[in-house]
């Protein structure tokens, strides 16, 4: 089976999310074939959660927060993403309104 490119995965999940009337906005476009994906979940009261995907040998792709707390201040989330982009210009960043903390990308294999 062919592997989805990062660009195809991002487009598909964003389209599905928008169909479900959840705001998903691409804030940084990365390498279409293989860029890393970071999801900024926008919570309540100016809180955010930044999740990144990594490969686990036993579980496949796993999404996890890039910070210790469940939710962090928006300014701290901005700083994390700026640092990630400075390390890797090929990464993708998607902002999603998610007061319940659900990452729609976590339900899709890439």
C-alpha atoms as a PDB file:
ATOM      1  CA  UNK A   1       0.000   0.000   0.000  1.00  0.00           C
ATOM      2  CA  UNK A   2       1.300   3.460  -0.900  1.00  0.00           C
ATOM      3  CA  UNK A   3       2.195   5.814   1.914  1.00  0.00           C
ATOM      4  CA  UNK A   4       0.406   9.159   2.091  1.00  0.00           C
ATOM      5  CA  UNK A   5       2.607  12.200   1.728  1.00  0.00           C
ATOM      6  CA  UNK A   6       2.503  14.741   4.519  1.00  0.00           C
ATOM      7  CA  UNK A   7       0.735  17.235   2.255  1.00  0.00           C
ATOM      8  CA  UNK A   8      -1.990  14.715   1.388  1.00  0.00           C
ATOM      9  CA  UNK A   9      -2.502  13.761   5.051  1.00  0.00           C
ATOM     10  CA  UNK A  10      -2.758  17.407   6.130  1.00  0.00           C
ATOM     11  CA  UNK A  11      -5.215  18.248   3.334  1.00  0.00           C
ATOM     12  CA  UNK A  12      -7.415  15.223   4.060  1.00  0.00           C
ATOM     13  CA  UNK A  13      -7.612  15.743   7.819  1.00  0.00           C
ATOM     14  CA  UNK A  14      -8.185  19.488   7.477  1.00  0.00           C
ATOM     15  CA  UNK A  15     -11.014  18.902   4.980  1.00  0.00           C
ATOM     16  CA  UNK A  16     -12.641  16.349   7.291  1.00  0.00           C
ATOM     17  CA  UNK A  17     -12.256  18.653  10.293  1.00  0.00           C
ATOM     18  CA  UNK A  18     -13.778  21.594   8.434  1.00  0.00           C
ATOM     19  CA  UNK A  19     -16.700  19.395   7.271  1.00  0.00           C
ATOM     20  CA  UNK A  20     -17.359  18.701  10.954  1.00  0.00           C
ATOM     21  CA  UNK A  21     -17.577  22.495  11.472  1.00  0.00           C
ATOM     22  CA  UNK A  22     -14.331  22.653  13.457  1.00  0.00           C
ATOM     23  CA  UNK A  23     -11.918  25.415  12.527  1.00  0.00           C
ATOM     24  CA  UNK A  24      -8.591  24.113  11.197  1.00  0.00           C
ATOM     25  CA  UNK A  25      -6.097  26.636   9.833  1.00  0.00           C
ATOM     26  CA  UNK A  26      -2.740  25.910   8.244  1.00  0.00           C
ATOM     27  CA  UNK A  27      -0.325  28.400   9.785  1.00  0.00           C
ATOM     28  CA  UNK A  28       2.947  26.994   8.377  1.00  0.00           C
ATOM     29  CA  UNK A  29       3.291  24.919   5.200  1.00  0.00           C
ATOM     30  CA  UNK A  30       6.171  22.481   5.195  1.00  0.00           C
ATOM     31  CA  UNK A  31       7.672  19.941   2.827  1.00  0.00           C
ATOM     32  CA  UNK A  32       4.789  18.307   0.961  1.00  0.00           C
ATOM     33  CA  UNK A  33       6.381  14.884   0.820  1.00  0.00           C
ATOM     34  CA  UNK A  34       7.828  14.388   4.280  1.00  0.00           C
ATOM     35  CA  UNK A  35       7.587  17.354   6.645  1.00  0.00           C
ATOM     36  CA  UNK A  36       6.918  16.900  10.356  1.00  0.00           C
ATOM     37  CA  UNK A  37       3.431  17.879  11.582  1.00  0.00           C
ATOM     38  CA  UNK A  38       2.711  19.947  14.697  1.00  0.00           C
ATOM     39  CA  UNK A  39      -0.865  20.528  15.816  1.00  0.00           C
ATOM     40  CA  UNK A  40      -1.759  23.507  17.965  1.00  0.00           C
ATOM     41  CA  UNK A  41      -5.000  22.728  19.781  1.00  0.00           C
ATOM     42  CA  UNK A  42      -6.731  25.935  20.828  1.00  0.00           C
ATOM     43  CA  UNK A  43      -8.505  25.420  24.131  1.00  0.00           C
ATOM     44  CA  UNK A  44     -10.478  27.668  26.411  1.00  0.00           C
ATOM     45  CA  UNK A  45      -9.317  30.837  28.192  1.00  0.00           C
ATOM     46  CA  UNK A  46      -6.296  31.422  25.962  1.00  0.00           C
ATOM     47  CA  UNK A  47      -4.848  27.977  26.631  1.00  0.00           C
ATOM     48  CA  UNK A  48      -3.210  25.809  23.977  1.00  0.00           C
ATOM     49  CA  UNK A  49      -1.664  22.369  23.561  1.00  0.00           C
ATOM     50  CA  UNK A  50       1.073  21.584  21.034  1.00  0.00           C
ATOM     51  CA  UNK A  51       1.253  17.993  19.827  1.00  0.00           C
ATOM     52  CA  UNK A  52       3.808  16.374  17.573  1.00  0.00           C
ATOM     53  CA  UNK A  53       3.910  12.989  15.920  1.00  0.00           C
ATOM     54  CA  UNK A  54       6.712  10.506  16.400  1.00  0.00           C
ATOM     55  CA  UNK A  55       7.174   6.891  15.422  1.00  0.00           C
ATOM     56  CA  UNK A  56       7.127   4.250  18.156  1.00  0.00           C
ATOM     57  CA  UNK A  57       8.492   0.825  17.114  1.00  0.00           C
ATOM     58  CA  UNK A  58       5.642  -0.968  18.898  1.00  0.00           C
ATOM     59  CA  UNK A  59       2.707   1.388  18.381  1.00  0.00           C
ATOM     60  CA  UNK A  60       3.477   3.066  15.055  1.00  0.00           C
ATOM     61  CA  UNK A  61       2.762   6.789  14.893  1.00  0.00           C
ATOM     62  CA  UNK A  62       1.993   8.341  18.292  1.00  0.00           C
ATOM     63  CA  UNK A  63       0.899  11.902  19.057  1.00  0.00           C
ATOM     64  CA  UNK A  64       2.125  13.551  22.256  1.00  0.00           C
ATOM     65  CA  UNK A  65       2.373  17.018  23.776  1.00  0.00           C
ATOM     66  CA  UNK A  66       5.676  18.841  23.298  1.00  0.00           C
ATOM     67  CA  UNK A  67       5.417  20.270  26.803  1.00  0.00           C
ATOM     68  CA  UNK A  68       4.892  18.962  30.346  1.00  0.00           C
ATOM     69  CA  UNK A  69       1.470  20.371  31.165  1.00  0.00           C
ATOM     70  CA  UNK A  70      -1.776  19.355  29.524  1.00  0.00           C
ATOM     71  CA  UNK A  71      -2.564  22.981  28.527  1.00  0.00           C
ATOM     72  CA  UNK A  72      -0.211  25.975  28.425  1.00  0.00           C
ATOM     73  CA  UNK A  73      -0.554  29.717  27.899  1.00  0.00           C
ATOM     74  CA  UNK A  74      -0.898  30.842  24.289  1.00  0.00           C
ATOM     75  CA  UNK A  75       2.375  32.806  24.423  1.00  0.00           C
ATOM     76  CA  UNK A  76       4.264  29.688  25.582  1.00  0.00           C
ATOM     77  CA  UNK A  77       2.704  27.716  22.702  1.00  0.00           C
ATOM     78  CA  UNK A  78       3.831  30.429  20.258  1.00  0.00           C
ATOM     79  CA  UNK A  79       7.398  30.163  21.583  1.00  0.00           C
ATOM     80  CA  UNK A  80       7.434  26.366  21.196  1.00  0.00           C
ATOM     81  CA  UNK A  81       6.216  26.574  17.608  1.00  0.00           C
ATOM     82  CA  UNK A  82       8.660  29.353  16.695  1.00  0.00           C
ATOM     83  CA  UNK A  83      11.486  27.183  18.015  1.00  0.00           C
ATOM     84  CA  UNK A  84      10.274  24.126  16.067  1.00  0.00           C
ATOM     85  CA  UNK A  85      10.022  26.144  12.846  1.00  0.00           C
ATOM     86  CA  UNK A  86      13.500  27.614  13.373  1.00  0.00           C
ATOM     87  CA  UNK A  87      14.898  24.060  13.665  1.00  0.00           C
ATOM     88  CA  UNK A  88      12.874  22.647  10.773  1.00  0.00           C
ATOM     89  CA  UNK A  89      11.512  24.935   8.049  1.00  0.00           C
ATOM     90  CA  UNK A  90       9.956  21.852   6.404  1.00  0.00           C
ATOM     91  CA  UNK A  91       7.504  21.257   9.277  1.00  0.00           C
ATOM     92  CA  UNK A  92       3.757  21.858   9.093  1.00  0.00           C
ATOM     93  CA  UNK A  93       1.752  23.702  11.777  1.00  0.00           C
ATOM     94  CA  UNK A  94      -2.027  23.404  11.942  1.00  0.00           C
ATOM     95  CA  UNK A  95      -4.166  25.372  14.424  1.00  0.00           C
ATOM     96  CA  UNK A  96      -7.378  23.646  15.476  1.00  0.00           C
ATOM     97  CA  UNK A  97     -10.141  24.929  17.751  1.00  0.00           C
ATOM     98  CA  UNK A  98     -10.406  22.091  20.252  1.00  0.00           C
ATOM     99  CA  UNK A  99     -11.681  23.013  23.727  1.00  0.00           C
ATOM    100  CA  UNK A 100     -11.928  19.282  24.528  1.00  0.00           C
ATOM    101  CA  UNK A 101      -8.313  18.631  23.478  1.00  0.00           C
ATOM    102  CA  UNK A 102      -9.098  16.180  20.678  1.00  0.00           C
ATOM    103  CA  UNK A 103      -6.446  16.057  17.954  1.00  0.00           C
ATOM    104  CA  UNK A 104      -8.118  14.921  14.706  1.00  0.00           C
ATOM    105  CA  UNK A 105      -4.737  13.911  13.275  1.00  0.00           C
ATOM    106  CA  UNK A 106      -4.347  11.285  16.011  1.00  0.00           C
ATOM    107  CA  UNK A 107      -7.110   9.227  14.370  1.00  0.00           C
ATOM    108  CA  UNK A 108      -5.302   8.914  11.019  1.00  0.00           C
ATOM    109  CA  UNK A 109      -2.229   6.901  10.098  1.00  0.00           C
ATOM    110  CA  UNK A 110       0.267   8.522   7.791  1.00  0.00           C
END
